[in-house]
N, C-alpha and C. Protein backbone atom coordinates (compact mmCIF):
# COMPACT_ATOMS: atom_id res chain seq x y z
N MET A 1 8.71 -4.01 -33.83
CA MET A 1 8.47 -4.17 -32.41
C MET A 1 7.90 -5.56 -32.18
N THR A 2 8.41 -6.25 -31.20
CA THR A 2 7.94 -7.61 -30.92
C THR A 2 6.76 -7.58 -29.97
N ALA A 3 5.92 -8.57 -30.09
CA ALA A 3 4.76 -8.67 -29.20
C ALA A 3 5.23 -9.14 -27.82
N PRO A 4 4.59 -8.63 -26.76
CA PRO A 4 4.98 -9.09 -25.42
C PRO A 4 4.65 -10.57 -25.23
N SER A 5 5.48 -11.23 -24.47
CA SER A 5 5.27 -12.66 -24.25
C SER A 5 4.12 -12.88 -23.26
N MET A 6 3.61 -14.08 -23.25
CA MET A 6 2.51 -14.42 -22.35
C MET A 6 2.97 -14.35 -20.89
N GLU A 7 4.22 -14.72 -20.64
CA GLU A 7 4.73 -14.67 -19.27
C GLU A 7 4.77 -13.24 -18.74
N LEU A 8 5.14 -12.29 -19.62
CA LEU A 8 5.19 -10.89 -19.21
C LEU A 8 3.78 -10.37 -18.90
N LEU A 9 2.82 -10.75 -19.72
CA LEU A 9 1.46 -10.30 -19.48
C LEU A 9 0.88 -10.88 -18.19
N VAL A 10 1.14 -12.16 -17.94
CA VAL A 10 0.65 -12.78 -16.71
C VAL A 10 1.34 -12.18 -15.49
N ALA A 11 2.64 -11.95 -15.57
CA ALA A 11 3.37 -11.35 -14.45
C ALA A 11 2.87 -9.93 -14.18
N THR A 12 2.60 -9.16 -15.22
CA THR A 12 2.06 -7.81 -15.03
C THR A 12 0.67 -7.86 -14.41
N GLY A 13 -0.16 -8.78 -14.87
CA GLY A 13 -1.49 -8.94 -14.29
C GLY A 13 -1.44 -9.32 -12.82
N ILE A 14 -0.54 -10.25 -12.48
CA ILE A 14 -0.38 -10.65 -11.08
C ILE A 14 0.08 -9.46 -10.24
N GLY A 15 1.00 -8.66 -10.78
CA GLY A 15 1.48 -7.49 -10.06
C GLY A 15 0.38 -6.48 -9.79
N TRP A 16 -0.48 -6.24 -10.79
CA TRP A 16 -1.59 -5.30 -10.60
C TRP A 16 -2.59 -5.82 -9.58
N VAL A 17 -2.89 -7.10 -9.62
CA VAL A 17 -3.85 -7.66 -8.66
C VAL A 17 -3.29 -7.58 -7.25
N VAL A 18 -2.00 -7.85 -7.09
CA VAL A 18 -1.37 -7.73 -5.76
C VAL A 18 -1.38 -6.27 -5.30
N ALA A 19 -1.09 -5.33 -6.21
CA ALA A 19 -1.10 -3.92 -5.83
C ALA A 19 -2.48 -3.47 -5.38
N VAL A 20 -3.52 -3.88 -6.09
CA VAL A 20 -4.89 -3.52 -5.69
C VAL A 20 -5.24 -4.19 -4.36
N GLY A 21 -4.79 -5.44 -4.17
CA GLY A 21 -5.04 -6.14 -2.91
C GLY A 21 -4.38 -5.45 -1.73
N ILE A 22 -3.16 -4.98 -1.92
CA ILE A 22 -2.47 -4.27 -0.84
C ILE A 22 -3.16 -2.94 -0.56
N TYR A 23 -3.57 -2.24 -1.62
CA TYR A 23 -4.30 -0.98 -1.42
C TYR A 23 -5.57 -1.21 -0.61
N LEU A 24 -6.31 -2.26 -0.93
CA LEU A 24 -7.55 -2.54 -0.20
C LEU A 24 -7.27 -2.98 1.23
N MET A 25 -6.16 -3.69 1.45
CA MET A 25 -5.84 -4.12 2.81
C MET A 25 -5.46 -2.94 3.70
N LEU A 26 -5.03 -1.84 3.12
CA LEU A 26 -4.65 -0.67 3.92
C LEU A 26 -5.83 0.25 4.21
N ARG A 27 -7.01 -0.10 3.77
CA ARG A 27 -8.21 0.69 4.04
C ARG A 27 -8.61 0.54 5.51
N GLY A 28 -9.46 1.42 5.98
CA GLY A 28 -9.82 1.43 7.39
C GLY A 28 -10.97 0.52 7.77
N ARG A 29 -11.74 0.06 6.81
CA ARG A 29 -12.91 -0.77 7.12
C ARG A 29 -12.61 -2.23 6.84
N SER A 30 -13.38 -3.11 7.47
CA SER A 30 -13.07 -4.53 7.39
C SER A 30 -13.42 -5.16 6.05
N PHE A 31 -14.48 -4.70 5.37
CA PHE A 31 -14.86 -5.34 4.11
C PHE A 31 -13.81 -5.14 3.02
N PRO A 32 -13.26 -3.92 2.82
CA PRO A 32 -12.17 -3.80 1.84
C PRO A 32 -10.94 -4.62 2.22
N VAL A 33 -10.68 -4.79 3.51
CA VAL A 33 -9.55 -5.62 3.93
C VAL A 33 -9.78 -7.07 3.52
N VAL A 34 -11.01 -7.56 3.69
CA VAL A 34 -11.33 -8.93 3.27
C VAL A 34 -11.19 -9.06 1.76
N LEU A 35 -11.67 -8.07 1.01
CA LEU A 35 -11.51 -8.11 -0.44
C LEU A 35 -10.04 -8.08 -0.85
N GLY A 36 -9.23 -7.30 -0.17
CA GLY A 36 -7.80 -7.25 -0.46
C GLY A 36 -7.12 -8.58 -0.20
N LEU A 37 -7.46 -9.22 0.92
CA LEU A 37 -6.89 -10.54 1.20
C LEU A 37 -7.31 -11.56 0.15
N THR A 38 -8.56 -11.47 -0.30
CA THR A 38 -9.04 -12.39 -1.32
C THR A 38 -8.31 -12.17 -2.64
N LEU A 39 -8.11 -10.91 -3.02
CA LEU A 39 -7.39 -10.62 -4.27
C LEU A 39 -5.95 -11.11 -4.21
N ILE A 40 -5.31 -10.94 -3.07
CA ILE A 40 -3.94 -11.44 -2.95
C ILE A 40 -3.92 -12.96 -3.02
N GLY A 41 -4.94 -13.61 -2.44
CA GLY A 41 -5.04 -15.07 -2.56
C GLY A 41 -5.21 -15.50 -4.01
N TYR A 42 -6.01 -14.76 -4.78
CA TYR A 42 -6.18 -15.09 -6.20
C TYR A 42 -4.87 -14.89 -6.96
N ALA A 43 -4.14 -13.82 -6.64
CA ALA A 43 -2.86 -13.57 -7.30
C ALA A 43 -1.86 -14.67 -7.00
N VAL A 44 -1.85 -15.16 -5.76
CA VAL A 44 -0.95 -16.26 -5.41
C VAL A 44 -1.35 -17.52 -6.18
N ASN A 45 -2.65 -17.77 -6.33
CA ASN A 45 -3.09 -18.94 -7.09
C ASN A 45 -2.64 -18.86 -8.55
N VAL A 46 -2.78 -17.70 -9.17
CA VAL A 46 -2.34 -17.55 -10.56
C VAL A 46 -0.82 -17.68 -10.64
N PHE A 47 -0.10 -17.16 -9.64
CA PHE A 47 1.35 -17.30 -9.62
C PHE A 47 1.76 -18.77 -9.54
N ILE A 48 1.13 -19.51 -8.64
CA ILE A 48 1.44 -20.95 -8.53
C ILE A 48 1.11 -21.67 -9.84
N PHE A 49 -0.01 -21.31 -10.43
CA PHE A 49 -0.41 -21.93 -11.68
C PHE A 49 0.59 -21.62 -12.79
N SER A 50 1.08 -20.39 -12.82
CA SER A 50 2.03 -20.01 -13.88
C SER A 50 3.42 -20.60 -13.63
N MET A 51 3.73 -21.01 -12.41
CA MET A 51 5.02 -21.64 -12.15
C MET A 51 5.13 -23.02 -12.83
N GLY A 52 4.00 -23.60 -13.17
CA GLY A 52 4.03 -24.86 -13.90
C GLY A 52 4.22 -24.65 -15.39
N ARG A 53 4.60 -23.48 -15.80
CA ARG A 53 4.79 -23.02 -17.18
C ARG A 53 3.46 -22.91 -17.89
N LEU A 54 3.38 -21.99 -18.78
CA LEU A 54 2.15 -21.75 -19.53
C LEU A 54 2.22 -22.55 -20.84
N TRP A 55 1.60 -23.68 -20.84
CA TRP A 55 1.57 -24.54 -22.02
C TRP A 55 0.23 -24.37 -22.72
N SER A 56 0.26 -24.40 -24.02
CA SER A 56 -0.98 -24.40 -24.78
C SER A 56 -1.00 -25.65 -25.66
N GLY A 57 -2.02 -26.46 -25.47
CA GLY A 57 -2.17 -27.66 -26.27
C GLY A 57 -1.37 -28.85 -25.79
N ALA A 58 -0.70 -28.76 -24.64
CA ALA A 58 0.09 -29.88 -24.12
C ALA A 58 -0.78 -30.68 -23.15
N PRO A 59 -0.76 -32.01 -23.26
CA PRO A 59 -1.56 -32.82 -22.34
C PRO A 59 -0.97 -32.79 -20.93
N PRO A 60 -1.81 -32.86 -19.89
CA PRO A 60 -1.30 -32.86 -18.52
C PRO A 60 -0.82 -34.24 -18.08
N ILE A 61 -1.02 -35.26 -18.89
CA ILE A 61 -0.62 -36.62 -18.53
C ILE A 61 0.37 -37.11 -19.57
N LEU A 62 1.41 -37.80 -19.09
CA LEU A 62 2.45 -38.31 -19.97
C LEU A 62 1.88 -39.42 -20.84
N THR A 63 1.79 -39.16 -22.14
CA THR A 63 1.24 -40.15 -23.06
C THR A 63 2.27 -40.63 -24.06
N GLY A 64 3.39 -40.06 -24.09
CA GLY A 64 4.43 -40.44 -25.04
C GLY A 64 5.48 -39.35 -25.09
N ASP A 65 6.11 -39.22 -26.22
CA ASP A 65 7.14 -38.20 -26.38
C ASP A 65 6.49 -36.84 -26.61
N GLY A 66 7.17 -35.79 -26.22
CA GLY A 66 6.67 -34.44 -26.46
C GLY A 66 6.53 -33.66 -25.16
N ALA A 67 6.10 -32.43 -25.33
CA ALA A 67 5.93 -31.53 -24.18
C ALA A 67 4.71 -31.96 -23.37
N VAL A 68 4.86 -31.93 -22.06
CA VAL A 68 3.78 -32.30 -21.15
C VAL A 68 3.63 -31.19 -20.12
N ALA A 69 2.39 -30.80 -19.84
CA ALA A 69 2.12 -29.81 -18.79
C ALA A 69 2.20 -30.49 -17.43
N ASP A 70 2.70 -29.76 -16.45
CA ASP A 70 2.84 -30.30 -15.10
C ASP A 70 1.49 -30.23 -14.38
N PRO A 71 0.93 -31.36 -13.92
CA PRO A 71 -0.37 -31.32 -13.25
C PRO A 71 -0.30 -30.89 -11.79
N LEU A 72 0.88 -30.88 -11.18
CA LEU A 72 0.99 -30.54 -9.76
C LEU A 72 0.53 -29.12 -9.44
N PRO A 73 0.94 -28.09 -10.20
CA PRO A 73 0.42 -26.75 -9.90
C PRO A 73 -1.10 -26.66 -10.03
N GLN A 74 -1.68 -27.39 -10.96
CA GLN A 74 -3.13 -27.38 -11.11
C GLN A 74 -3.80 -27.97 -9.88
N ALA A 75 -3.25 -29.04 -9.34
CA ALA A 75 -3.81 -29.65 -8.13
C ALA A 75 -3.63 -28.73 -6.92
N LEU A 76 -2.47 -28.08 -6.83
CA LEU A 76 -2.23 -27.16 -5.72
C LEU A 76 -3.18 -25.96 -5.77
N VAL A 77 -3.41 -25.42 -6.96
CA VAL A 77 -4.31 -24.27 -7.09
C VAL A 77 -5.74 -24.67 -6.77
N LEU A 78 -6.16 -25.85 -7.20
CA LEU A 78 -7.51 -26.31 -6.89
C LEU A 78 -7.70 -26.44 -5.38
N THR A 79 -6.71 -26.99 -4.70
CA THR A 79 -6.77 -27.10 -3.24
C THR A 79 -6.75 -25.71 -2.59
N ALA A 80 -5.93 -24.82 -3.12
CA ALA A 80 -5.85 -23.47 -2.55
C ALA A 80 -7.16 -22.70 -2.75
N ILE A 81 -7.86 -22.94 -3.85
CA ILE A 81 -9.15 -22.27 -4.06
C ILE A 81 -10.15 -22.71 -3.02
N VAL A 82 -10.20 -24.01 -2.73
CA VAL A 82 -11.15 -24.51 -1.73
C VAL A 82 -10.80 -23.96 -0.35
N ILE A 83 -9.53 -23.97 0.00
CA ILE A 83 -9.11 -23.44 1.30
C ILE A 83 -9.36 -21.93 1.36
N GLY A 84 -9.14 -21.23 0.25
CA GLY A 84 -9.38 -19.78 0.20
C GLY A 84 -10.84 -19.42 0.41
N PHE A 85 -11.76 -20.21 -0.19
CA PHE A 85 -13.18 -19.96 0.04
C PHE A 85 -13.54 -20.15 1.51
N ALA A 86 -13.04 -21.20 2.12
CA ALA A 86 -13.34 -21.46 3.53
C ALA A 86 -12.76 -20.35 4.42
N THR A 87 -11.54 -19.95 4.14
CA THR A 87 -10.91 -18.89 4.93
C THR A 87 -11.63 -17.57 4.75
N THR A 88 -12.04 -17.25 3.52
CA THR A 88 -12.76 -16.00 3.27
C THR A 88 -14.09 -16.00 4.01
N GLY A 89 -14.80 -17.11 3.99
CA GLY A 89 -16.05 -17.20 4.74
C GLY A 89 -15.84 -16.99 6.23
N PHE A 90 -14.76 -17.57 6.76
CA PHE A 90 -14.46 -17.42 8.19
C PHE A 90 -14.12 -15.97 8.52
N VAL A 91 -13.32 -15.32 7.68
CA VAL A 91 -12.92 -13.94 7.95
C VAL A 91 -14.13 -13.00 7.83
N ILE A 92 -15.02 -13.26 6.88
CA ILE A 92 -16.23 -12.45 6.76
C ILE A 92 -17.10 -12.61 8.00
N GLU A 93 -17.22 -13.84 8.49
CA GLU A 93 -17.99 -14.06 9.71
C GLU A 93 -17.37 -13.35 10.90
N MET A 94 -16.04 -13.36 11.01
CA MET A 94 -15.37 -12.64 12.10
C MET A 94 -15.59 -11.14 11.97
N ALA A 95 -15.57 -10.60 10.75
CA ALA A 95 -15.80 -9.17 10.55
C ALA A 95 -17.23 -8.79 10.91
N LEU A 96 -18.18 -9.64 10.54
CA LEU A 96 -19.58 -9.36 10.90
C LEU A 96 -19.78 -9.43 12.41
N ARG A 97 -19.12 -10.37 13.06
CA ARG A 97 -19.23 -10.49 14.51
C ARG A 97 -18.61 -9.28 15.20
N SER A 98 -17.47 -8.82 14.67
CA SER A 98 -16.83 -7.63 15.23
C SER A 98 -17.71 -6.40 15.05
N ARG A 99 -18.36 -6.29 13.90
CA ARG A 99 -19.27 -5.17 13.65
C ARG A 99 -20.45 -5.22 14.61
N HIS A 100 -20.97 -6.42 14.84
CA HIS A 100 -22.13 -6.56 15.73
C HIS A 100 -21.76 -6.23 17.17
N GLU A 101 -20.63 -6.73 17.64
CA GLU A 101 -20.25 -6.52 19.04
C GLU A 101 -19.64 -5.14 19.28
N GLY A 102 -18.88 -4.63 18.32
CA GLY A 102 -18.20 -3.36 18.52
C GLY A 102 -18.97 -2.16 18.00
N GLY A 103 -19.96 -2.40 17.15
CA GLY A 103 -20.73 -1.30 16.60
C GLY A 103 -20.03 -0.55 15.48
N SER A 104 -18.90 -1.05 15.03
CA SER A 104 -18.15 -0.39 13.97
C SER A 104 -17.47 -1.46 13.13
N ASP A 105 -17.30 -1.18 11.85
CA ASP A 105 -16.57 -2.13 11.01
C ASP A 105 -15.17 -1.65 10.70
N HIS A 106 -14.66 -0.73 11.52
CA HIS A 106 -13.30 -0.25 11.33
C HIS A 106 -12.32 -1.28 11.85
N VAL A 107 -11.21 -1.41 11.16
CA VAL A 107 -10.21 -2.41 11.54
C VAL A 107 -9.59 -2.08 12.89
N ASP A 108 -9.31 -0.80 13.13
CA ASP A 108 -8.69 -0.42 14.39
C ASP A 108 -9.70 -0.15 15.50
N GLY A 109 -10.99 -0.21 15.20
CA GLY A 109 -12.02 -0.02 16.21
C GLY A 109 -12.38 1.42 16.48
N ARG A 110 -11.71 2.37 15.82
CA ARG A 110 -12.01 3.79 16.03
C ARG A 110 -12.89 4.29 14.89
N PRO A 111 -13.91 5.07 15.20
CA PRO A 111 -14.78 5.61 14.13
C PRO A 111 -14.10 6.74 13.38
N ASP A 112 -14.70 7.09 12.24
CA ASP A 112 -14.21 8.24 11.47
C ASP A 112 -14.36 9.51 12.28
N ALA A 113 -13.43 10.43 12.13
CA ALA A 113 -13.53 11.70 12.83
C ALA A 113 -14.61 12.58 12.21
N SER A 114 -14.91 12.34 10.93
CA SER A 114 -15.91 13.18 10.26
C SER A 114 -17.33 12.70 10.52
N ALA A 115 -17.50 11.45 10.91
CA ALA A 115 -18.86 10.91 11.13
C ALA A 115 -19.32 11.24 12.55
N THR A 116 -20.52 11.73 12.68
CA THR A 116 -21.09 11.99 13.99
C THR A 116 -22.16 10.96 14.28
N PRO A 117 -22.16 10.40 15.47
CA PRO A 117 -23.19 9.42 15.80
C PRO A 117 -24.56 10.08 15.87
N PRO A 118 -25.63 9.33 15.65
CA PRO A 118 -26.96 9.93 15.69
C PRO A 118 -27.27 10.46 17.08
N GLY A 119 -27.89 11.65 17.12
CA GLY A 119 -28.30 12.25 18.39
C GLY A 119 -27.23 13.08 19.05
N VAL A 120 -26.07 13.23 18.44
CA VAL A 120 -24.99 14.01 19.02
C VAL A 120 -24.76 15.23 18.15
N ALA A 121 -24.70 16.39 18.77
CA ALA A 121 -24.44 17.61 18.01
C ALA A 121 -23.02 17.58 17.48
N ALA A 122 -22.81 18.19 16.34
CA ALA A 122 -21.50 18.16 15.71
C ALA A 122 -20.45 18.86 16.57
N ALA A 123 -20.78 19.98 17.20
CA ALA A 123 -19.81 20.71 18.01
C ALA A 123 -19.42 19.91 19.24
N GLY A 124 -20.38 19.28 19.90
CA GLY A 124 -20.07 18.48 21.08
C GLY A 124 -19.28 17.24 20.73
N HIS A 125 -19.58 16.69 19.58
CA HIS A 125 -18.85 15.49 19.16
C HIS A 125 -17.41 15.80 18.81
N SER A 126 -17.19 16.92 18.12
CA SER A 126 -15.81 17.26 17.76
C SER A 126 -15.02 17.64 19.01
N ALA A 127 -15.66 18.23 20.00
CA ALA A 127 -14.97 18.55 21.24
C ALA A 127 -14.61 17.27 21.99
N ALA A 128 -15.51 16.29 21.94
CA ALA A 128 -15.20 15.03 22.61
C ALA A 128 -14.08 14.30 21.90
N LEU A 129 -14.00 14.42 20.57
CA LEU A 129 -12.92 13.77 19.85
C LEU A 129 -11.59 14.48 20.07
N ALA A 130 -11.64 15.80 20.29
CA ALA A 130 -10.41 16.56 20.47
C ALA A 130 -9.73 16.22 21.78
N SER A 131 -10.50 15.87 22.81
CA SER A 131 -9.89 15.54 24.09
C SER A 131 -9.51 14.07 24.12
N ASP A 132 -8.50 13.76 24.90
CA ASP A 132 -8.07 12.38 25.02
C ASP A 132 -8.96 11.59 25.97
N ASN A 133 -9.64 12.29 26.88
CA ASN A 133 -10.49 11.62 27.85
C ASN A 133 -11.90 11.46 27.30
N PRO A 134 -12.48 10.27 27.39
CA PRO A 134 -13.85 10.11 26.91
C PRO A 134 -14.82 10.83 27.85
N PRO A 135 -16.01 11.21 27.35
CA PRO A 135 -16.97 11.89 28.22
C PRO A 135 -17.46 10.95 29.32
N ASP A 136 -17.77 11.53 30.47
CA ASP A 136 -18.22 10.75 31.61
C ASP A 136 -19.68 10.35 31.41
N PRO A 137 -20.01 9.05 31.36
CA PRO A 137 -21.40 8.65 31.14
C PRO A 137 -22.31 9.01 32.32
N ARG A 138 -21.74 9.16 33.52
CA ARG A 138 -22.57 9.53 34.67
C ARG A 138 -23.07 10.96 34.54
N ALA A 139 -22.26 11.83 33.94
CA ALA A 139 -22.67 13.23 33.78
C ALA A 139 -23.84 13.33 32.80
N ALA A 140 -23.84 12.51 31.77
CA ALA A 140 -24.94 12.54 30.80
C ALA A 140 -26.21 11.98 31.40
N ALA A 141 -26.10 11.05 32.34
CA ALA A 141 -27.28 10.44 32.95
C ALA A 141 -27.80 11.26 34.13
N GLY A 142 -27.06 12.26 34.57
CA GLY A 142 -27.50 13.10 35.67
C GLY A 142 -27.11 12.54 37.03
N VAL A 143 -26.26 11.56 37.08
CA VAL A 143 -25.82 10.98 38.34
C VAL A 143 -24.81 11.93 38.97
N GLY A 144 -24.91 12.12 40.24
CA GLY A 144 -23.97 12.97 40.95
C GLY A 144 -24.46 14.39 41.11
N ARG A 145 -25.63 14.74 40.57
CA ARG A 145 -26.17 16.09 40.72
C ARG A 145 -27.09 16.13 41.94
N GLY A 146 -27.28 17.27 42.47
CA GLY A 146 -28.18 17.42 43.61
C GLY A 146 -27.45 17.41 44.92
N ALA A 147 -28.10 16.86 45.96
CA ALA A 147 -27.52 16.86 47.30
C ALA A 147 -26.33 15.92 47.36
N PRO A 148 -25.28 16.32 48.09
CA PRO A 148 -24.13 15.43 48.24
C PRO A 148 -24.53 14.20 49.06
N GLN A 149 -23.96 13.07 48.71
CA GLN A 149 -24.29 11.84 49.41
C GLN A 149 -23.42 11.70 50.62
N GLU A 150 -23.95 11.02 51.62
CA GLU A 150 -23.19 10.84 52.87
C GLU A 150 -22.15 9.76 52.67
N ALA A 151 -21.04 9.93 53.38
CA ALA A 151 -20.01 8.92 53.35
C ALA A 151 -20.47 7.72 54.15
N GLY A 152 -20.15 6.56 53.71
CA GLY A 152 -20.54 5.36 54.46
C GLY A 152 -21.73 4.66 53.85
N ARG A 153 -22.46 5.25 52.97
CA ARG A 153 -23.59 4.58 52.33
C ARG A 153 -23.20 3.88 51.10
């Protein structure tokens, strides 16, 4: 039995990292989505790096006759790493801002059906989730109870 080649091992590793990245991107919360995007970015960097062929012991600069490693993929990956860090920082900041303003870190903005907000009974919460209409905030505050108001005021 022959040993697997280095290209096969790198391609398999890239495939696994992409698969995990896609799995994380399909999650409902924003932090796993950011991690999935980051993993896919790393997989693309390794793919670009491997496109320059996997040389061992070859100089990256032409010094004479013989095999030479291509320095262009190395420069592209270095640039992509810097851009990836900046983009990841920006996306994390956007996710934190969305969590702060929306009160949830879900990608679609809807909370889990199993989670109940603090101060809400489980039966009332599940009934509110079952209906398509949100509960009326005026009814909870007691507005509209008591004597009917006159028209014109």
